[in-house]
Amino acid sequence: MGALKGIAAIVGIVAAMMGSLFLLQGLGVVRWPSDSFMVGNRDWVLYGAIIALAGGLLVALANRRPGP
Protein backbone atom coordinates (compact mmCIF):
# COMPACT_ATOMS: atom_id res chain seq x y z
CA MET A 1 0.00 0.00 0.00
CA GLY A 2 2.97 2.36 0.48
CA ALA A 3 3.64 2.62 -3.25
CA LEU A 4 0.00 3.42 -3.96
CA LYS A 5 0.03 6.22 -1.38
CA GLY A 6 3.19 7.63 -2.93
CA ILE A 7 1.69 7.60 -6.41
CA ALA A 8 -1.51 9.23 -5.11
CA ALA A 9 0.54 11.95 -3.41
CA ILE A 10 2.52 12.65 -6.60
CA VAL A 11 -0.64 12.79 -8.71
CA GLY A 12 -2.21 15.11 -6.13
CA ILE A 13 0.78 17.45 -6.16
CA VAL A 14 0.79 17.60 -9.96
CA ALA A 15 -2.97 18.24 -10.02
CA ALA A 16 -2.64 21.02 -7.43
CA MET A 17 0.15 22.67 -9.41
CA MET A 18 -1.74 22.42 -12.71
CA GLY A 19 -4.93 23.73 -11.10
CA SER A 20 -3.03 26.67 -9.67
CA LEU A 21 -1.56 27.43 -13.09
CA PHE A 22 -5.02 27.27 -14.71
CA LEU A 23 -6.45 29.54 -11.99
CA LEU A 24 -3.68 32.11 -12.41
CA GLN A 25 -3.99 32.04 -16.19
CA GLY A 26 -7.73 32.60 -15.88
CA LEU A 27 -7.09 35.61 -13.69
CA GLY A 28 -4.55 36.93 -16.19
CA VAL A 29 -1.70 36.85 -13.64
CA VAL A 30 0.28 34.27 -15.63
CA ARG A 31 0.38 35.03 -19.32
CA TRP A 32 2.33 31.97 -20.44
CA PRO A 33 2.05 30.94 -23.16
CA SER A 34 0.93 34.32 -24.40
CA ASP A 35 -1.42 32.91 -27.04
CA SER A 36 -3.17 30.49 -24.65
CA PHE A 37 -6.96 30.43 -24.82
CA MET A 38 -7.06 30.30 -20.99
CA VAL A 39 -5.42 33.69 -20.41
CA GLY A 40 -8.02 36.10 -19.09
CA ASN A 41 -10.86 33.58 -19.42
CA ARG A 42 -12.77 33.61 -16.10
CA ASP A 43 -14.12 30.07 -16.63
CA TRP A 44 -10.61 28.76 -15.96
CA VAL A 45 -10.55 30.41 -12.55
CA LEU A 46 -13.30 28.03 -11.40
CA TYR A 47 -11.88 25.01 -13.23
CA GLY A 48 -8.41 25.65 -11.83
CA ALA A 49 -9.70 26.10 -8.29
CA ILE A 50 -11.60 22.82 -8.46
CA ILE A 51 -8.59 20.93 -9.83
CA ALA A 52 -6.24 22.48 -7.25
CA LEU A 53 -8.59 21.62 -4.38
CA ALA A 54 -9.01 18.05 -5.65
CA GLY A 55 -5.23 17.69 -5.83
CA GLY A 56 -4.83 19.02 -2.31
CA LEU A 57 -7.49 16.63 -1.06
CA LEU A 58 -5.73 13.71 -2.77
CA VAL A 59 -2.43 14.66 -1.12
CA ALA A 60 -4.13 14.93 2.28
CA LEU A 61 -5.81 11.56 1.88
CA ALA A 62 -2.57 9.94 0.74
CA ASN A 63 -0.77 11.21 3.85
CA ARG A 64 -3.41 10.09 6.34
CA ARG A 65 -2.35 7.63 8.97
CA PRO A 66 -4.46 4.52 9.42
CA GLY A 67 -6.87 4.52 12.35
CA PRO A 68 -6.40 2.40 15.47
PDB file of N, CA and C in Angstrom:
ATOM      1  N   MET A   1       0.814  -1.205   0.000  1.00  0.00           N
ATOM      2  CA  MET A   1       0.000   0.000   0.000  1.00  0.00           C
ATOM      3  C   MET A   1       0.853   1.263   0.000  1.00  0.00           C
ATOM      4  N   GLY A   2       2.111   1.181   0.419  1.00  0.00           N
ATOM      5  CA  GLY A   2       2.969   2.360   0.478  1.00  0.00           C
ATOM      6  C   GLY A   2       3.213   2.967  -0.890  1.00  0.00           C
ATOM      7  N   ALA A   3       3.398   2.103  -1.895  1.00  0.00           N
ATOM      8  CA  ALA A   3       3.642   2.623  -3.247  1.00  0.00           C
ATOM      9  C   ALA A   3       2.409   3.333  -3.789  1.00  0.00           C
ATOM     10  N   LEU A   4       1.236   2.802  -3.490  1.00  0.00           N
ATOM     11  CA  LEU A   4      -0.003   3.418  -3.958  1.00  0.00           C
ATOM     12  C   LEU A   4      -0.202   4.794  -3.327  1.00  0.00           C
ATOM     13  N   LYS A   5       0.129   4.920  -2.046  1.00  0.00           N
ATOM     14  CA  LYS A   5       0.027   6.222  -1.379  1.00  0.00           C
ATOM     15  C   LYS A   5       1.007   7.222  -1.981  1.00  0.00           C
ATOM     16  N   GLY A   6       2.195   6.755  -2.317  1.00  0.00           N
ATOM     17  CA  GLY A   6       3.189   7.634  -2.934  1.00  0.00           C
ATOM     18  C   GLY A   6       2.744   8.125  -4.294  1.00  0.00           C
ATOM     19  N   ILE A   7       2.192   7.215  -5.086  1.00  0.00           N
ATOM     20  CA  ILE A   7       1.690   7.600  -6.411  1.00  0.00           C
ATOM     21  C   ILE A   7       0.534   8.581  -6.279  1.00  0.00           C
ATOM     22  N   ALA A   8      -0.374   8.330  -5.326  1.00  0.00           N
ATOM     23  CA  ALA A   8      -1.508   9.233  -5.115  1.00  0.00           C
ATOM     24  C   ALA A   8      -1.020  10.617  -4.688  1.00  0.00           C
ATOM     25  N   ALA A   9       0.005  10.662  -3.851  1.00  0.00           N
ATOM     26  CA  ALA A   9       0.544  11.950  -3.411  1.00  0.00           C
ATOM     27  C   ALA A   9       1.158  12.708  -4.586  1.00  0.00           C
ATOM     28  N   ILE A  10       1.896  12.004  -5.434  1.00  0.00           N
ATOM     29  CA  ILE A  10       2.520  12.652  -6.597  1.00  0.00           C
ATOM     30  C   ILE A  10       1.455  13.167  -7.560  1.00  0.00           C
ATOM     31  N   VAL A  11       0.442  12.358  -7.829  1.00  0.00           N
ATOM     32  CA  VAL A  11      -0.645  12.785  -8.713  1.00  0.00           C
ATOM     33  C   VAL A  11      -1.361  13.997  -8.111  1.00  0.00           C
ATOM     34  N   GLY A  12      -1.565  13.992  -6.802  1.00  0.00           N
ATOM     35  CA  GLY A  12      -2.212  15.113  -6.131  1.00  0.00           C
ATOM     36  C   GLY A  12      -1.397  16.389  -6.229  1.00  0.00           C
ATOM     37  N   ILE A  13      -0.095  16.278  -6.059  1.00  0.00           N
ATOM     38  CA  ILE A  13       0.782  17.451  -6.160  1.00  0.00           C
ATOM     39  C   ILE A  13       0.751  18.024  -7.572  1.00  0.00           C
ATOM     40  N   VAL A  14       0.828  17.144  -8.561  1.00  0.00           N
ATOM     41  CA  VAL A  14       0.789  17.601  -9.962  1.00  0.00           C
ATOM     42  C   VAL A  14      -0.556  18.265 -10.266  1.00  0.00           C
ATOM     43  N   ALA A  15      -1.642  17.666  -9.784  1.00  0.00           N
ATOM     44  CA  ALA A  15      -2.967  18.245 -10.019  1.00  0.00           C
ATOM     45  C   ALA A  15      -3.091  19.613  -9.344  1.00  0.00           C
ATOM     46  N   ALA A  16      -2.581  19.732  -8.128  1.00  0.00           N
ATOM     47  CA  ALA A  16      -2.643  21.020  -7.426  1.00  0.00           C
ATOM     48  C   ALA A  16      -1.834  22.089  -8.163  1.00  0.00           C
ATOM     49  N   MET A  17      -0.679  21.702  -8.681  1.00  0.00           N
ATOM     50  CA  MET A  17       0.145  22.667  -9.412  1.00  0.00           C
ATOM     51  C   MET A  17      -0.517  23.075 -10.729  1.00  0.00           C
ATOM     52  N   MET A  18      -1.069  22.101 -11.444  1.00  0.00           N
ATOM     53  CA  MET A  18      -1.741  22.421 -12.707  1.00  0.00           C
ATOM     54  C   MET A  18      -2.979  23.278 -12.456  1.00  0.00           C
ATOM     55  N   GLY A  19      -3.750  22.940 -11.440  1.00  0.00           N
ATOM     56  CA  GLY A  19      -4.931  23.727 -11.104  1.00  0.00           C
ATOM     57  C   GLY A  19      -4.572  25.160 -10.756  1.00  0.00           C
ATOM     58  N   SER A  20      -3.477  25.321 -10.021  1.00  0.00           N
ATOM     59  CA  SER A  20      -3.028  26.671  -9.670  1.00  0.00           C
ATOM     60  C   SER A  20      -2.624  27.454 -10.916  1.00  0.00           C
ATOM     61  N   LEU A  21      -1.943  26.778 -11.836  1.00  0.00           N
ATOM     62  CA  LEU A  21      -1.563  27.434 -13.091  1.00  0.00           C
ATOM     63  C   LEU A  21      -2.801  27.847 -13.876  1.00  0.00           C
ATOM     64  N   PHE A  22      -3.791  26.954 -13.991  1.00  0.00           N
ATOM     65  CA  PHE A  22      -5.018  27.275 -14.710  1.00  0.00           C
ATOM     66  C   PHE A  22      -5.728  28.464 -14.056  1.00  0.00           C
ATOM     67  N   LEU A  23      -5.794  28.457 -12.727  1.00  0.00           N
ATOM     68  CA  LEU A  23      -6.446  29.541 -11.994  1.00  0.00           C
ATOM     69  C   LEU A  23      -5.747  30.869 -12.271  1.00  0.00           C
ATOM     70  N   LEU A  24      -4.428  30.870 -12.186  1.00  0.00           N
ATOM     71  CA  LEU A  24      -3.679  32.105 -12.407  1.00  0.00           C
ATOM     72  C   LEU A  24      -3.751  32.575 -13.856  1.00  0.00           C
ATOM     73  N   GLN A  25      -3.813  31.641 -14.790  1.00  0.00           N
ATOM     74  CA  GLN A  25      -3.995  32.037 -16.188  1.00  0.00           C
ATOM     75  C   GLN A  25      -5.380  32.637 -16.391  1.00  0.00           C
ATOM     76  N   GLY A  26      -6.376  32.062 -15.773  1.00  0.00           N
ATOM     77  CA  GLY A  26      -7.729  32.597 -15.883  1.00  0.00           C
ATOM     78  C   GLY A  26      -7.839  34.005 -15.333  1.00  0.00           C
ATOM     79  N   LEU A  27      -7.094  34.264 -14.267  1.00  0.00           N
ATOM     80  CA  LEU A  27      -7.085  35.605 -13.687  1.00  0.00           C
ATOM     81  C   LEU A  27      -6.238  36.589 -14.488  1.00  0.00           C
ATOM     82  N   GLY A  28      -5.417  36.069 -15.391  1.00  0.00           N
ATOM     83  CA  GLY A  28      -4.546  36.931 -16.188  1.00  0.00           C
ATOM     84  C   GLY A  28      -3.243  37.264 -15.496  1.00  0.00           C
ATOM     85  N   VAL A  29      -2.948  36.608 -14.363  1.00  0.00           N
ATOM     86  CA  VAL A  29      -1.700  36.849 -13.645  1.00  0.00           C
ATOM     87  C   VAL A  29      -0.537  36.212 -14.393  1.00  0.00           C
ATOM     88  N   VAL A  30      -0.735  34.980 -14.842  1.00  0.00           N
ATOM     89  CA  VAL A  30       0.275  34.270 -15.625  1.00  0.00           C
ATOM     90  C   VAL A  30      -0.153  34.329 -17.083  1.00  0.00           C
ATOM     91  N   ARG A  31       0.695  34.900 -17.902  1.00  0.00           N
ATOM     92  CA  ARG A  31       0.384  35.032 -19.322  1.00  0.00           C
ATOM     93  C   ARG A  31       1.332  34.169 -20.146  1.00  0.00           C
ATOM     94  N   TRP A  32       1.468  32.920 -19.731  1.00  0.00           N
ATOM     95  CA  TRP A  32       2.329  31.971 -20.440  1.00  0.00           C
ATOM     96  C   TRP A  32       1.546  30.726 -20.760  1.00  0.00           C
ATOM     97  N   PRO A  33       1.571  30.255 -21.955  1.00  0.00           N
ATOM     98  CA  PRO A  33       2.046  30.936 -23.164  1.00  0.00           C
ATOM     99  C   PRO A  33       1.122  32.097 -23.524  1.00  0.00           C
ATOM    100  N   SER A  34       1.673  33.075 -24.163  1.00  0.00           N
ATOM    101  CA  SER A  34       0.929  34.323 -24.401  1.00  0.00           C
ATOM    102  C   SER A  34      -0.286  34.133 -25.304  1.00  0.00           C
ATOM    103  N   ASP A  35      -0.289  33.118 -26.140  1.00  0.00           N
ATOM    104  CA  ASP A  35      -1.422  32.906 -27.044  1.00  0.00           C
ATOM    105  C   ASP A  35      -2.396  31.843 -26.522  1.00  0.00           C
ATOM    106  N   SER A  36      -2.297  31.512 -25.230  1.00  0.00           N
ATOM    107  CA  SER A  36      -3.173  30.489 -24.646  1.00  0.00           C
ATOM    108  C   SER A  36      -4.620  30.975 -24.595  1.00  0.00           C
ATOM    109  N   PHE A  37      -5.544  30.085 -24.877  1.00  0.00           N
ATOM    110  CA  PHE A  37      -6.960  30.428 -24.817  1.00  0.00           C
ATOM    111  C   PHE A  37      -7.446  30.603 -23.378  1.00  0.00           C
ATOM    112  N   MET A  38      -6.653  30.197 -22.401  1.00  0.00           N
ATOM    113  CA  MET A  38      -7.059  30.299 -20.994  1.00  0.00           C
ATOM    114  C   MET A  38      -6.757  31.664 -20.386  1.00  0.00           C
ATOM    115  N   VAL A  39      -5.833  32.411 -20.977  1.00  0.00           N
ATOM    116  CA  VAL A  39      -5.417  33.691 -20.406  1.00  0.00           C
ATOM    117  C   VAL A  39      -6.581  34.661 -20.413  1.00  0.00           C
ATOM    118  N   GLY A  40      -6.947  35.127 -19.232  1.00  0.00           N
ATOM    119  CA  GLY A  40      -8.023  36.097 -19.088  1.00  0.00           C
ATOM    120  C   GLY A  40      -9.427  35.521 -19.185  1.00  0.00           C
ATOM    121  N   ASN A  41      -9.552  34.217 -19.309  1.00  0.00           N
ATOM    122  CA  ASN A  41     -10.862  33.584 -19.415  1.00  0.00           C
ATOM    123  C   ASN A  41     -11.308  33.171 -18.012  1.00  0.00           C
ATOM    124  N   ARG A  42     -12.335  33.818 -17.478  1.00  0.00           N
ATOM    125  CA  ARG A  42     -12.772  33.608 -16.096  1.00  0.00           C
ATOM    126  C   ARG A  42     -13.290  32.200 -15.820  1.00  0.00           C
ATOM    127  N   ASP A  43     -13.693  31.461 -16.847  1.00  0.00           N
ATOM    128  CA  ASP A  43     -14.125  30.075 -16.631  1.00  0.00           C
ATOM    129  C   ASP A  43     -12.996  29.243 -16.031  1.00  0.00           C
ATOM    130  N   TRP A  44     -11.753  29.536 -16.420  1.00  0.00           N
ATOM    131  CA  TRP A  44     -10.614  28.758 -15.957  1.00  0.00           C
ATOM    132  C   TRP A  44     -10.257  29.047 -14.520  1.00  0.00           C
ATOM    133  N   VAL A  45     -10.756  30.151 -13.977  1.00  0.00           N
ATOM    134  CA  VAL A  45     -10.554  30.410 -12.546  1.00  0.00           C
ATOM    135  C   VAL A  45     -11.281  29.335 -11.744  1.00  0.00           C
ATOM    136  N   LEU A  46     -12.523  29.063 -12.100  1.00  0.00           N
ATOM    137  CA  LEU A  46     -13.297  28.035 -11.402  1.00  0.00           C
ATOM    138  C   LEU A  46     -12.725  26.649 -11.655  1.00  0.00           C
ATOM    139  N   TYR A  47     -12.418  26.332 -12.912  1.00  0.00           N
ATOM    140  CA  TYR A  47     -11.877  25.008 -13.226  1.00  0.00           C
ATOM    141  C   TYR A  47     -10.555  24.778 -12.492  1.00  0.00           C
ATOM    142  N   GLY A  48      -9.708  25.771 -12.499  1.00  0.00           N
ATOM    143  CA  GLY A  48      -8.411  25.650 -11.828  1.00  0.00           C
ATOM    144  C   GLY A  48      -8.550  25.483 -10.327  1.00  0.00           C
ATOM    145  N   ALA A  49      -9.482  26.221  -9.732  1.00  0.00           N
ATOM    146  CA  ALA A  49      -9.698  26.098  -8.291  1.00  0.00           C
ATOM    147  C   ALA A  49     -10.187  24.705  -7.930  1.00  0.00           C
ATOM    148  N   ILE A  50     -11.080  24.168  -8.728  1.00  0.00           N
ATOM    149  CA  ILE A  50     -11.599  22.817  -8.458  1.00  0.00           C
ATOM    150  C   ILE A  50     -10.488  21.783  -8.587  1.00  0.00           C
ATOM    151  N   ILE A  51      -9.675  21.887  -9.624  1.00  0.00           N
ATOM    152  CA  ILE A  51      -8.585  20.928  -9.835  1.00  0.00           C
ATOM    153  C   ILE A  51      -7.554  21.047  -8.709  1.00  0.00           C
ATOM    154  N   ALA A  52      -7.219  22.278  -8.318  1.00  0.00           N
ATOM    155  CA  ALA A  52      -6.242  22.476  -7.248  1.00  0.00           C
ATOM    156  C   ALA A  52      -6.765  21.925  -5.921  1.00  0.00           C
ATOM    157  N   LEU A  53      -8.023  22.151  -5.624  1.00  0.00           N
ATOM    158  CA  LEU A  53      -8.595  21.615  -4.381  1.00  0.00           C
ATOM    159  C   LEU A  53      -8.648  20.091  -4.399  1.00  0.00           C
ATOM    160  N   ALA A  54      -8.989  19.514  -5.536  1.00  0.00           N
ATOM    161  CA  ALA A  54      -9.014  18.054  -5.653  1.00  0.00           C
ATOM    162  C   ALA A  54      -7.610  17.483  -5.460  1.00  0.00           C
ATOM    163  N   GLY A  55      -6.617  18.132  -6.023  1.00  0.00           N
ATOM    164  CA  GLY A  55      -5.234  17.691  -5.833  1.00  0.00           C
ATOM    165  C   GLY A  55      -4.798  17.786  -4.388  1.00  0.00           C
ATOM    166  N   GLY A  56      -5.156  18.870  -3.726  1.00  0.00           N
ATOM    167  CA  GLY A  56      -4.828  19.022  -2.307  1.00  0.00           C
ATOM    168  C   GLY A  56      -5.513  17.971  -1.453  1.00  0.00           C
ATOM    169  N   LEU A  57      -6.757  17.665  -1.781  1.00  0.00           N
ATOM    170  CA  LEU A  57      -7.486  16.627  -1.056  1.00  0.00           C
ATOM    171  C   LEU A  57      -6.834  15.260  -1.264  1.00  0.00           C
ATOM    172  N   LEU A  58      -6.399  14.983  -2.481  1.00  0.00           N
ATOM    173  CA  LEU A  58      -5.733  13.711  -2.769  1.00  0.00           C
ATOM    174  C   LEU A  58      -4.427  13.593  -1.985  1.00  0.00           C
ATOM    175  N   VAL A  59      -3.669  14.669  -1.898  1.00  0.00           N
ATOM    176  CA  VAL A  59      -2.434  14.657  -1.116  1.00  0.00           C
ATOM    177  C   VAL A  59      -2.756  14.422   0.363  1.00  0.00           C
ATOM    178  N   ALA A  60      -3.759  15.098   0.865  1.00  0.00           N
ATOM    179  CA  ALA A  60      -4.134  14.935   2.277  1.00  0.00           C
ATOM    180  C   ALA A  60      -4.571  13.508   2.563  1.00  0.00           C
ATOM    181  N   LEU A  61      -5.361  12.926   1.669  1.00  0.00           N
ATOM    182  CA  LEU A  61      -5.807  11.560   1.879  1.00  0.00           C
ATOM    183  C   LEU A  61      -4.659  10.560   1.778  1.00  0.00           C
ATOM    184  N   ALA A  62      -3.704  10.829   0.890  1.00  0.00           N
ATOM    185  CA  ALA A  62      -2.566   9.940   0.737  1.00  0.00           C
ATOM    186  C   ALA A  62      -1.655   9.967   1.959  1.00  0.00           C
ATOM    187  N   ASN A  63      -1.651  11.072   2.683  1.00  0.00           N
ATOM    188  CA  ASN A  63      -0.773  11.208   3.848  1.00  0.00           C
ATOM    189  C   ASN A  63      -1.458  10.894   5.169  1.00  0.00           C
ATOM    190  N   ARG A  64      -2.714  10.452   5.111  1.00  0.00           N
ATOM    191  CA  ARG A  64      -3.408  10.087   6.339  1.00  0.00           C
ATOM    192  C   ARG A  64      -2.802   8.843   6.960  1.00  0.00           C
ATOM    193  N   ARG A  65      -2.809   8.829   8.260  1.00  0.00           N
ATOM    194  CA  ARG A  65      -2.351   7.631   8.968  1.00  0.00           C
ATOM    195  C   ARG A  65      -3.551   6.731   9.198  1.00  0.00           C
ATOM    196  N   PRO A  66      -3.328   5.429   9.167  1.00  0.00           N
ATOM    197  CA  PRO A  66      -4.458   4.517   9.419  1.00  0.00           C
ATOM    198  C   PRO A  66      -4.961   4.652  10.850  1.00  0.00           C
ATOM    199  N   GLY A  67      -6.256   4.435  11.016  1.00  0.00           N
ATOM    200  CA  GLY A  67      -6.869   4.517  12.348  1.00  0.00           C
ATOM    201  C   GLY A  67      -6.445   3.366  13.232  1.00  0.00           C
ATOM    202  N   PRO A  68      -6.819   3.443  14.515  1.00  0.00           N
ATOM    203  CA  PRO A  68      -6.396   2.402  15.472  1.00  0.00           C
ATOM    204  C   PRO A  68      -7.018   1.058  15.237  1.00  0.00           C
TER     205      PRO A  68
END
